[in-house]
Protein backbone atom coordinates (compact mmCIF):
# COMPACT_ATOMS: atom_id res chain seq x y z
CA MET A 1 121.64 132.27 89.62
CA LEU A 2 122.80 135.61 89.68
CA LEU A 3 119.16 137.90 88.03
CA LEU A 4 120.61 140.31 86.20
CA LYS A 5 119.27 144.42 86.90
CA PRO A 6 118.72 147.19 84.88
CA GLU A 7 121.95 149.27 86.76
CA ASP A 8 123.97 145.84 85.05
CA PHE A 9 123.64 147.26 81.89
CA GLU A 10 123.94 151.32 82.30
CA PRO A 11 127.65 151.32 82.07
CA TRP A 12 126.81 149.45 78.37
CA VAL A 13 124.46 151.69 77.27
CA GLY A 14 125.62 153.88 73.96
CA LYS A 15 128.52 151.56 73.61
CA GLN A 16 129.58 149.08 71.18
CA VAL A 17 129.04 145.67 72.65
CA ARG A 18 130.59 142.51 71.26
CA VAL A 19 128.01 139.56 70.25
CA ALA A 20 129.88 136.02 69.64
CA THR A 21 128.05 134.56 66.62
CA ILE A 22 129.89 132.29 64.13
CA PRO A 23 132.17 132.33 62.01
CA HIS A 24 133.32 135.65 63.73
CA PRO A 25 131.67 138.21 66.41
CA VAL A 26 130.08 141.63 65.40
CA GLU A 27 129.10 144.96 67.24
CA ILE A 28 126.42 146.59 67.75
CA THR A 29 125.43 149.25 70.37
CA LEU A 30 123.03 148.97 73.00
CA ALA A 31 120.79 151.95 72.42
CA ALA A 32 118.74 152.57 75.53
CA ILE A 33 117.27 150.69 78.78
CA PHE A 34 113.82 150.93 79.16
CA ARG A 35 112.01 150.19 82.32
CA PRO A 36 107.86 150.12 82.38
CA GLY A 37 107.74 151.86 85.68
CA PHE A 38 106.27 149.09 88.05
CA ALA A 39 107.76 147.09 90.95
CA HIS A 40 108.18 143.21 91.08
CA ASP A 41 108.85 141.20 93.87
CA ILE A 42 112.16 139.63 92.24
CA ARG A 43 113.17 141.97 89.95
CA GLU A 44 112.33 145.25 88.23
CA PRO A 45 111.15 144.03 84.71
CA PHE A 46 113.36 146.06 82.10
CA SER A 47 114.09 145.82 78.09
CA LEU A 48 117.65 146.78 76.07
CA MET A 49 117.05 147.97 72.96
CA PHE A 50 120.16 147.32 70.21
CA GLU A 51 120.55 148.94 67.27
CA ALA A 52 123.16 147.63 64.19
CA PRO A 53 124.01 148.30 60.93
CA MET A 54 121.89 146.36 58.02
CA ASN A 55 124.57 144.45 57.51
CA ILE A 56 124.55 142.94 60.75
CA ASN A 57 121.51 140.63 60.53
CA LEU A 58 120.94 138.04 64.13
CA ILE A 59 118.50 135.48 64.00
CA ASP A 60 115.98 135.56 66.98
CA GLY A 61 118.30 133.72 70.01
CA ALA A 62 120.28 133.76 72.45
CA TYR A 63 123.80 135.07 72.11
CA GLU A 64 126.81 135.87 74.59
CA PHE A 65 127.02 139.95 74.97
CA ASP A 66 130.16 141.17 76.29
CA CYS A 67 131.32 145.10 76.36
CA GLY A 68 134.54 144.58 78.60
CA LYS A 69 132.41 145.80 81.55
CA GLY A 70 130.39 143.06 83.42
CA GLY A 71 129.58 140.02 81.42
CA PRO A 72 129.85 138.08 79.44
CA HIS A 73 126.25 137.37 79.52
CA THR A 74 123.97 135.02 77.83
CA ILE A 75 121.49 137.14 75.88
CA VAL A 76 118.01 136.35 74.14
CA ILE A 77 117.35 138.84 71.62
CA THR A 78 114.23 139.33 69.00
CA GLN A 79 114.73 141.61 66.11
CA LEU A 80 112.23 144.40 65.81
CA LYS A 81 110.80 146.64 62.53
CA PRO A 82 114.05 148.16 61.54
CA LEU A 83 114.65 151.61 61.59
CA PRO A 84 115.90 153.64 58.37
CA GLY A 85 119.55 152.35 58.08
CA ALA A 86 119.51 150.15 61.22
CA ARG A 87 118.36 146.96 62.25
CA VAL A 88 116.80 146.68 65.87
CA TYR A 89 117.23 144.08 68.48
CA GLN A 90 115.29 143.87 71.97
CA ALA A 91 115.85 142.22 74.92
CA VAL A 92 113.11 141.40 77.74
CA PHE A 93 114.12 140.44 81.39
CA ASN A 94 111.06 139.69 83.53
């Protein structure tokens, strides 16, 4: 099993990412990668923060993400408190 690292997602930052949803895929933006700053034996924990327009409402769960540079990857996301005019989703990798 491939353990993804923050570096695997750096080319995605600021880009539209295709999310495989039914009945058709949607696109959201990878807004940021957060690294808590402490070392771990297996891999550095990190989080991905995604933003989407208010009309894209994804339920918490696993989706296939692809931005054409690496992937697709199955990623579990959770919706956070929205920003003004944008929904926010987080994926945590421990």
